[in-house]
Protein backbone atom coordinates (compact mmCIF):
# COMPACT_ATOMS: atom_id res chain seq x y z
CA UNK A 1 -6.69 20.78 -49.94
CA UNK A 2 -6.78 22.82 -46.74
CA UNK A 3 -8.76 25.50 -48.57
CA UNK A 4 -11.65 23.02 -48.88
CA UNK A 5 -11.56 22.08 -45.19
CA UNK A 6 -14.74 22.68 -43.25
CA UNK A 7 -13.11 24.41 -40.30
CA UNK A 8 -16.34 24.54 -38.33
CA UNK A 9 -16.52 20.73 -38.28
CA UNK A 10 -12.85 20.48 -37.36
CA UNK A 11 -13.20 22.95 -34.51
CA UNK A 12 -16.27 21.13 -33.20
CA UNK A 13 -14.36 17.84 -33.29
CA UNK A 14 -11.45 19.31 -31.32
CA UNK A 15 -13.60 21.07 -28.73
CA UNK A 16 -16.42 18.57 -28.27
CA UNK A 17 -14.99 15.43 -29.82
CA UNK A 18 -14.21 13.84 -26.45
CA UNK A 19 -17.97 13.82 -25.77
CA UNK A 20 -18.70 12.31 -29.20
CA UNK A 21 -15.57 10.22 -29.84
CA UNK A 22 -17.01 8.61 -32.98
CA UNK A 23 -16.10 11.86 -34.73
CA UNK A 24 -12.44 10.87 -34.39
CA UNK A 25 -13.09 7.79 -36.54
CA UNK A 26 -14.24 9.98 -39.43
CA UNK A 27 -11.35 10.90 -41.72
CA UNK A 28 -13.22 13.98 -42.93
CA UNK A 29 -13.94 15.37 -39.47
CA UNK A 30 -10.58 14.33 -37.99
CA UNK A 31 -7.94 14.00 -40.72
CA UNK A 32 -4.42 12.81 -40.04
CA UNK A 33 -2.84 16.24 -40.01
CA UNK A 34 -5.27 17.31 -37.27
CA UNK A 35 -4.61 14.12 -35.32
CA UNK A 36 -0.88 14.84 -35.47
CA UNK A 37 -1.36 18.41 -34.27
CA UNK A 38 -3.54 17.18 -31.39
CA UNK A 39 -0.89 14.75 -30.18
CA UNK A 40 1.89 17.33 -30.61
CA UNK A 41 -0.09 19.92 -28.64
CA UNK A 42 -0.67 17.46 -25.82
CA UNK A 43 3.03 16.61 -25.59
CA UNK A 44 4.02 20.27 -25.80
CA UNK A 45 1.70 21.22 -22.95
CA UNK A 46 3.10 18.34 -20.93
CA UNK A 47 6.49 20.08 -20.94
CA UNK A 48 4.85 23.19 -19.52
CA UNK A 49 3.08 21.51 -16.61
CA UNK A 50 4.57 22.21 -13.18
CA UNK A 51 6.08 19.39 -11.16
CA UNK A 52 4.43 18.32 -7.90
CA UNK A 53 5.44 20.38 -4.91
CA UNK A 54 7.92 19.00 -2.43
CA UNK A 55 9.89 16.60 -4.63
CA UNK A 56 12.97 18.80 -4.17
CA UNK A 57 14.37 18.56 -7.71
CA UNK A 58 13.73 19.32 -11.35
CA UNK A 59 14.08 16.92 -14.26
CA UNK A 60 16.37 17.18 -17.27
CA UNK A 61 14.87 18.00 -20.64
CA UNK A 62 16.04 14.62 -21.92
CA UNK A 63 14.13 12.77 -19.20
CA UNK A 64 10.97 14.80 -19.79
CA UNK A 65 11.23 14.07 -23.53
CA UNK A 66 11.66 10.36 -22.79
CA UNK A 67 8.57 10.35 -20.59
CA UNK A 68 6.61 12.18 -23.31
CA UNK A 69 7.60 9.52 -25.84
CA UNK A 70 6.64 6.78 -23.37
CA UNK A 71 3.22 8.41 -22.88
CA UNK A 72 2.77 8.69 -26.65
CA UNK A 73 3.64 5.03 -27.14
CA UNK A 74 1.29 4.10 -24.33
CA UNK A 75 -1.69 5.93 -25.80
CA UNK A 76 -1.18 5.29 -29.49
CA UNK A 77 -0.15 1.73 -28.71
CA UNK A 78 -3.69 1.10 -27.46
CA UNK A 79 -4.90 0.94 -31.08
CA UNK A 80 -3.11 -2.27 -32.22
CA UNK A 81 -4.07 -4.42 -29.27
CA UNK A 82 -7.59 -2.92 -29.20
CA UNK A 83 -7.85 -3.94 -32.88
CA UNK A 84 -7.05 -7.54 -31.87
CA UNK A 85 -9.35 -7.47 -28.87
CA UNK A 86 -12.29 -6.11 -30.87
CA UNK A 87 -11.92 -9.01 -33.27
CA UNK A 88 -12.33 -11.36 -30.32
CA UNK A 89 -15.52 -9.47 -29.50
CA UNK A 90 -16.75 -10.16 -33.03
CA UNK A 91 -15.97 -6.83 -34.73
CA UNK A 92 -13.72 -6.26 -37.73
CA UNK A 93 -12.39 -2.72 -37.34
CA UNK A 94 -9.68 -1.11 -39.44
CA UNK A 95 -6.49 -0.16 -37.60
CA UNK A 96 -6.08 3.37 -38.96
CA UNK A 97 -9.40 4.71 -37.58
CA UNK A 98 -8.41 3.32 -34.16
CA UNK A 99 -5.12 5.20 -34.37
CA UNK A 100 -7.00 8.42 -35.12
CA UNK A 101 -9.32 7.64 -32.21
CA UNK A 102 -6.34 7.25 -29.87
CA UNK A 103 -4.94 10.57 -31.08
CA UNK A 104 -8.28 12.24 -30.53
CA UNK A 105 -8.66 10.77 -27.04
CA UNK A 106 -5.32 12.38 -26.15
CA UNK A 107 -7.26 15.66 -26.06
CA UNK A 108 -7.67 14.91 -22.35
CA UNK A 109 -4.13 16.34 -21.94
CA UNK A 110 -5.32 19.69 -23.27
CA UNK A 111 -8.60 19.63 -21.36
CA UNK A 112 -6.92 18.86 -18.03
CA UNK A 113 -3.84 21.06 -18.52
CA UNK A 114 -5.14 23.87 -16.22
CA UNK A 115 -5.80 21.35 -13.44
CA UNK A 116 -2.08 20.55 -13.24
CA UNK A 117 -1.46 24.03 -11.79
CA UNK A 118 -4.08 23.53 -9.08
CA UNK A 119 -3.31 19.89 -8.24
CA UNK A 120 0.31 20.39 -7.18
CA UNK A 121 0.62 18.10 -4.16
CA UNK A 122 2.09 14.63 -4.84
CA UNK A 123 -1.22 12.96 -4.00
CA UNK A 124 -3.27 15.30 -6.16
CA UNK A 125 -0.80 15.02 -9.03
CA UNK A 126 -0.97 11.21 -8.89
CA UNK A 127 -4.77 11.40 -8.83
CA UNK A 128 -4.78 13.70 -11.86
CA UNK A 129 -2.58 11.25 -13.79
CA UNK A 130 -4.92 8.38 -12.96
CA UNK A 131 -8.03 10.38 -13.88
CA UNK A 132 -6.46 11.26 -17.23
CA UNK A 133 -5.84 7.60 -17.98
CA UNK A 134 -9.40 6.64 -17.03
CA UNK A 135 -10.89 9.48 -19.07
CA UNK A 136 -8.74 8.51 -22.04
CA UNK A 137 -9.94 4.92 -21.66
CA UNK A 138 -13.59 6.01 -21.56
CA UNK A 139 -13.22 8.14 -24.69
CA UNK A 140 -11.32 5.50 -26.63
CA UNK A 141 -13.51 2.67 -25.39
CA UNK A 142 -16.76 4.46 -26.25
CA UNK A 143 -15.54 5.42 -29.70
CA UNK A 144 -14.33 1.88 -30.42
CA UNK A 145 -17.65 0.48 -29.19
CA UNK A 146 -19.23 1.81 -32.39
CA UNK A 147 -17.66 -1.19 -34.15
CA UNK A 148 -19.70 -3.53 -31.96
CA UNK A 149 -23.36 -4.44 -32.31
CA UNK A 150 -23.48 -6.25 -28.94
CA UNK A 151 -21.48 -6.77 -25.73
CA UNK A 152 -20.68 -3.06 -25.58
CA UNK A 153 -20.96 -2.91 -21.79
CA UNK A 154 -18.50 -5.78 -21.41
CA UNK A 155 -16.18 -4.07 -23.90
CA UNK A 156 -16.27 -0.81 -21.89
CA UNK A 157 -15.46 -2.65 -18.66
CA UNK A 158 -12.50 -4.37 -20.30
CA UNK A 159 -11.32 -1.09 -21.88
CA UNK A 160 -11.46 0.90 -18.64
CA UNK A 161 -9.43 -1.78 -16.87
CA UNK A 162 -6.87 -2.67 -19.53
CA UNK A 163 -6.18 0.69 -21.20
CA UNK A 164 -4.98 2.54 -18.06
CA UNK A 165 -2.95 -0.51 -17.02
CA UNK A 166 -1.29 -0.64 -20.45
CA UNK A 167 -0.66 3.09 -20.63
CA UNK A 168 0.75 3.40 -17.12
CA UNK A 169 2.90 0.35 -17.75
CA UNK A 170 4.38 1.95 -20.85
CA UNK A 171 5.15 5.10 -18.85
CA UNK A 172 7.19 3.01 -16.43
CA UNK A 173 9.45 1.70 -19.20
CA UNK A 174 12.02 4.54 -18.83
CA UNK A 175 12.39 3.47 -15.18
CA UNK A 176 12.55 -0.27 -15.87
CA UNK A 177 16.26 -0.49 -15.04
CA UNK A 178 15.79 1.31 -11.72
CA UNK A 179 12.69 -0.68 -10.79
CA UNK A 180 14.56 -3.94 -11.36
CA UNK A 181 17.21 -2.93 -8.82
CA UNK A 182 15.01 -1.72 -5.97
CA UNK A 183 15.49 -3.49 -2.65
CA UNK A 184 12.67 -1.95 -0.63
CA UNK A 185 12.07 -4.32 2.27
CA UNK A 186 8.67 -2.98 3.21
CA UNK A 187 6.95 -0.40 0.98
CA UNK A 188 4.24 0.14 3.57
CA UNK A 189 6.59 1.12 6.37
CA UNK A 190 9.65 2.60 4.66
CA UNK A 191 12.07 -0.08 5.87
CA UNK A 192 15.13 -0.05 3.60
CA UNK A 193 17.32 -2.78 5.09
CA UNK A 194 17.83 -4.68 8.35
CA UNK A 195 20.43 -3.46 10.82
CA UNK A 196 23.59 -5.54 11.10
CA UNK A 197 24.97 -5.30 14.63
CA UNK A 198 23.72 -3.14 17.47
CA UNK A 199 23.40 0.54 18.22
CA UNK A 200 24.10 1.93 21.68
CA UNK A 201 21.29 3.29 23.80
CA UNK A 202 21.11 7.04 24.12
CA UNK A 203 22.56 9.72 21.82
CA UNK A 204 25.03 8.79 19.09
CA UNK A 205 27.27 11.85 18.54
CA UNK A 206 29.43 10.43 15.74
CA UNK A 207 29.38 7.43 13.44
CA UNK A 208 30.62 6.18 10.10
CA UNK A 209 28.04 5.04 7.59
CA UNK A 210 29.05 2.63 4.82
CA UNK A 211 26.75 2.20 1.83
CA UNK A 212 27.02 -0.63 -0.70
CA UNK A 213 25.36 -0.93 -4.09
CA UNK A 214 25.83 -0.51 -7.80
CA UNK A 215 27.35 2.80 -8.92
CA UNK A 216 24.54 5.27 -9.34
CA UNK A 217 22.56 8.10 -7.73
CA UNK A 218 22.53 6.57 -4.23
CA UNK A 219 26.34 6.35 -4.11
CA UNK A 220 27.25 9.80 -5.42
CA UNK A 221 29.61 11.39 -2.93
CA UNK A 222 28.35 14.90 -3.66
CA UNK A 223 24.89 13.97 -2.39
CA UNK A 224 26.07 13.12 1.13
CA UNK A 225 28.97 15.59 1.50
CA UNK A 226 26.97 18.20 3.40
CA UNK A 227 29.31 20.49 5.30
CA UNK A 228 30.64 19.88 8.80
CA UNK A 229 27.93 17.40 9.71
CA UNK A 230 28.54 14.92 6.88
CA UNK A 231 31.94 14.36 5.28
CA UNK A 232 32.89 11.60 2.85
CA UNK A 233 35.57 9.29 4.28
CA UNK A 234 36.13 7.46 0.98
CA UNK A 235 34.28 6.67 -2.22
CA UNK A 236 35.01 3.67 -4.41
CA UNK A 237 32.92 1.94 -7.09
CA UNK A 238 30.05 0.33 -5.23
CA UNK A 239 31.11 1.59 -1.78
CA UNK A 240 30.65 4.95 -0.07
CA UNK A 241 31.71 5.74 3.51
CA UNK A 242 30.46 8.88 5.27
CA UNK A 243 31.46 10.33 8.65
CA UNK A 244 28.57 11.95 10.53
CA UNK A 245 29.43 14.19 13.46
CA UNK A 246 28.09 17.31 15.20
CA UNK A 247 28.23 20.42 13.05
CA UNK A 248 26.37 22.64 10.65
CA UNK A 249 24.95 21.30 7.41
CA UNK A 250 25.58 22.76 3.99
CA UNK A 251 22.62 24.56 2.48
CA UNK A 252 23.30 28.09 1.30
CA UNK A 253 21.28 27.64 -1.88
CA UNK A 254 17.79 29.11 -1.78
CA UNK A 255 16.51 26.32 -4.03
CA UNK A 256 13.54 24.37 -2.73
CA UNK A 257 13.00 26.46 0.40
CA UNK A 258 9.46 26.10 1.70
CA UNK A 259 7.01 28.98 1.78
CA UNK A 260 4.80 29.41 4.81
CA UNK A 261 1.16 28.69 4.03
CA UNK A 262 -1.69 30.52 5.81
CA UNK A 263 -2.26 27.38 7.89
CA UNK A 264 1.37 27.45 9.05
CA UNK A 265 1.18 31.16 9.86
CA UNK A 266 -1.92 30.52 11.94
CA UNK A 267 -0.22 27.61 13.70
CA UNK A 268 2.79 29.63 14.91
CA UNK A 269 0.67 32.50 16.20
CA UNK A 270 0.76 30.83 19.61
CA UNK A 271 4.58 30.50 19.67
CA UNK A 272 5.85 32.88 22.40
CA UNK A 273 8.73 35.32 21.91
CA UNK A 274 12.23 34.17 22.82
CA UNK A 275 15.57 33.20 21.37
CA UNK A 276 15.59 31.40 18.00
CA UNK A 277 16.12 28.02 19.66
CA UNK A 278 13.42 28.65 22.23
CA UNK A 279 10.95 29.49 19.48
CA UNK A 280 11.89 26.44 17.41
CA UNK A 281 11.61 24.21 20.48
CA UNK A 282 8.16 25.65 21.10
CA UNK A 283 7.27 24.95 17.46
CA UNK A 284 8.58 21.39 17.83
CA UNK A 285 6.36 20.81 20.87
CA UNK A 286 3.41 22.37 19.04
CA UNK A 287 3.81 20.09 16.02
CA UNK A 288 4.14 17.07 18.31
CA UNK A 289 0.89 18.01 20.03
CA UNK A 290 -1.06 18.63 16.81
CA UNK A 291 0.02 15.62 14.70
CA UNK A 292 -0.04 11.93 15.61
CA UNK A 293 2.00 9.45 13.61
CA UNK A 294 0.18 7.55 10.87
CA UNK A 295 1.86 6.12 7.79
CA UNK A 296 0.57 7.95 4.71
CA UNK A 297 2.21 8.10 1.29
CA UNK A 298 0.63 11.45 0.37
CA UNK A 299 0.09 13.41 3.60
CA UNK A 300 -1.26 16.52 1.83
CA UNK A 301 -0.57 20.17 2.60
CA UNK A 302 -0.28 21.72 6.05
CA UNK A 303 -3.95 22.64 6.23
CA UNK A 304 -4.98 19.05 5.42
CA UNK A 305 -2.47 17.57 7.86
CA UNK A 306 -3.59 19.78 10.75
CA UNK A 307 -7.27 19.22 9.98
CA UNK A 308 -6.72 15.45 9.92
CA UNK A 309 -4.35 15.54 12.88
CA UNK A 310 -2.16 12.74 11.59
CA UNK A 311 0.58 11.93 9.11
CA UNK A 312 3.97 10.31 8.73
CA UNK A 313 7.44 11.83 8.90
CA UNK A 314 6.85 13.79 5.68
CA UNK A 315 3.80 15.41 7.26
CA UNK A 316 5.68 16.33 10.45
CA UNK A 317 8.57 17.73 8.41
CA UNK A 318 6.29 19.81 6.16
CA UNK A 319 4.38 21.32 9.07
CA UNK A 320 7.57 22.10 10.99
CA UNK A 321 9.42 23.53 7.98
CA UNK A 322 6.54 25.82 7.04
CA UNK A 323 6.11 26.79 10.68
CA UNK A 324 9.80 27.70 10.89
CA UNK A 325 9.45 29.74 7.70
CA UNK A 326 6.48 31.53 9.22
CA UNK A 327 8.69 32.40 12.21
CA UNK A 328 11.25 33.91 9.82
CA UNK A 329 13.74 31.03 9.52
CA UNK A 330 14.67 29.79 6.03
CA UNK A 331 13.84 26.09 5.99
CA UNK A 332 13.43 23.07 3.76
CA UNK A 333 12.22 19.50 4.02
CA UNK A 334 15.10 17.03 3.71
CA UNK A 335 15.20 13.26 3.36
CA UNK A 336 17.54 10.42 4.07
CA UNK A 337 18.04 7.39 6.29
CA UNK A 338 17.46 6.79 9.97
CA UNK A 339 19.28 3.92 11.71
CA UNK A 340 17.32 2.26 14.49
CA UNK A 341 17.68 -1.00 16.38
CA UNK A 342 15.07 -2.56 14.05
CA UNK A 343 16.65 -1.49 10.76
CA UNK A 344 17.46 1.36 8.38
CA UNK A 345 14.41 3.45 7.53
CA UNK A 346 13.56 6.09 4.93
CA UNK A 347 12.92 9.28 6.84
CA UNK A 348 12.13 12.97 6.38
CA UNK A 349 12.96 15.87 8.65
CA UNK A 350 13.71 19.61 8.36
CA UNK A 351 16.79 21.75 7.87
CA UNK A 352 16.50 25.25 9.34
CA UNK A 353 18.87 28.22 9.07
CA UNK A 354 19.49 29.65 12.53
CA UNK A 355 21.94 32.50 13.09
CA UNK A 356 23.55 31.87 9.71
CA UNK A 357 24.01 28.10 10.24
CA UNK A 358 21.89 25.29 8.86
CA UNK A 359 20.66 22.93 11.58
CA UNK A 360 18.78 19.64 11.37
CA UNK A 361 15.47 19.32 13.25
CA UNK A 362 13.34 16.19 13.50
CA UNK A 363 9.76 17.06 14.47
CA UNK A 364 8.67 13.40 14.26
CA UNK A 365 10.92 12.44 17.19
CA UNK A 366 10.42 13.66 20.78
CA UNK A 367 14.16 14.45 20.65
CA UNK A 368 14.38 17.34 18.16
CA UNK A 369 18.09 17.26 17.26
CA UNK A 370 19.16 14.51 14.82
CA UNK A 371 22.40 12.81 15.80
CA UNK A 372 24.67 10.44 13.85
CA UNK A 373 21.81 7.99 13.40
CA UNK A 374 20.57 10.29 10.62
CA UNK A 375 22.21 10.26 7.18
CA UNK A 376 20.87 12.99 4.90
CA UNK A 377 20.83 12.80 1.10
CA UNK A 378 20.85 15.97 -0.98
CA UNK A 379 18.78 15.48 -4.15
CA UNK A 380 20.22 16.59 -7.48
CA UNK A 381 18.88 19.87 -8.80
CA UNK A 382 18.22 18.22 -12.16
CA UNK A 383 17.49 14.52 -12.21
CA UNK A 384 17.35 12.03 -15.05
CA UNK A 385 14.97 9.74 -13.17
CA UNK A 386 12.41 9.87 -10.39
CA UNK A 387 14.67 7.38 -8.60
CA UNK A 388 17.46 9.91 -8.26
CA UNK A 389 15.58 11.60 -5.44
CA UNK A 390 14.57 9.99 -2.17
CA UNK A 391 13.85 6.69 -3.96
CA UNK A 392 17.58 6.26 -4.65
CA UNK A 393 18.13 4.88 -1.15
CA UNK A 394 15.95 1.87 -1.99
CA UNK A 395 18.50 0.83 -4.63
CA UNK A 396 21.19 0.26 -2.00
CA UNK A 397 22.27 -3.36 -1.57
CA UNK A 398 23.24 -3.04 2.09
CA UNK A 399 24.27 -0.53 4.78
CA UNK A 400 26.39 -0.45 7.89
CA UNK A 401 26.76 2.08 10.71
CA UNK A 402 29.69 2.10 13.15
CA UNK A 403 29.66 4.36 16.25
CA UNK A 404 32.76 6.53 16.66
């Protein structure tokens, strides 16, 4: 049978079919074996795409496979409910051509694959995912519109709204259990939980943190046992107590160290010579003078942050960490919790290796040295969920901090 295939038509369908999606409805131009190969190629390339920069962890092969299956269900699952919806619009399509159309529309994965290497920031990566869903919806919607003799504009509006919502919803299914247990008090501000009790004014050299919640990523002792500075007092199912005191942090691994960007190199050109601490203090003051605080989920890279002149704690931490790297100090952006009089907050700061010891630096605060009000979480190198990183803290039921 393959010997009688018109390969020119098949190649044209694969290359230009997304601009003429009706070709995917034609069993001769887009047979099932080609539809299967298209979907398989899209999933295979998805495994090769790089992760967004700055998330501080990789994902297990099992989790990536689960997300690929969820994406496949999301896209191919468009066909059955589109078949029902088209009947409401007055058309009587067959289901199998719509399945081929969905497979053909998945070509957007192949078309946009190179962009994944350029759009590496969290914001750009999220934008790319959204654009893919919209493009898929346009291709599928336009191809399915061929079954309609009228109300095509209304159908396209409905398709562009419902298809991305359906597909993105299906991709969240692997995280349904984690999403159901989140206790984020204020997504816009990063507030995790209210503070029970009071904190003393001034520095807090030592304290014991107690975390409560269901057993899971947020209560893994290994994630908070970070050298002299953080030591686990005890760990029981649902409870984790951590002593925080002055001392060096653990961090000998070179994984997830930042690399100084040209913008960071240019920034530190004005830092005067001196001892390591004098230079880092000068960098701290420089970052404080160049960035004003503004809550922003995706602050961008250092060049964008400095050009805008604003950002949240992630922005401050990224600029400082890259600046420290430009000065010759190994550094990384770290995340955890900050206890203040108004509650426990998700926070980001920097860890810098100075004279062989890892030190914590908070460029967001006028006081650069984090004390016991800061509890750092070390992300797993390989995670089985996006909520095993910084989002794990939002699954905590409650927290307590006791000065020592």
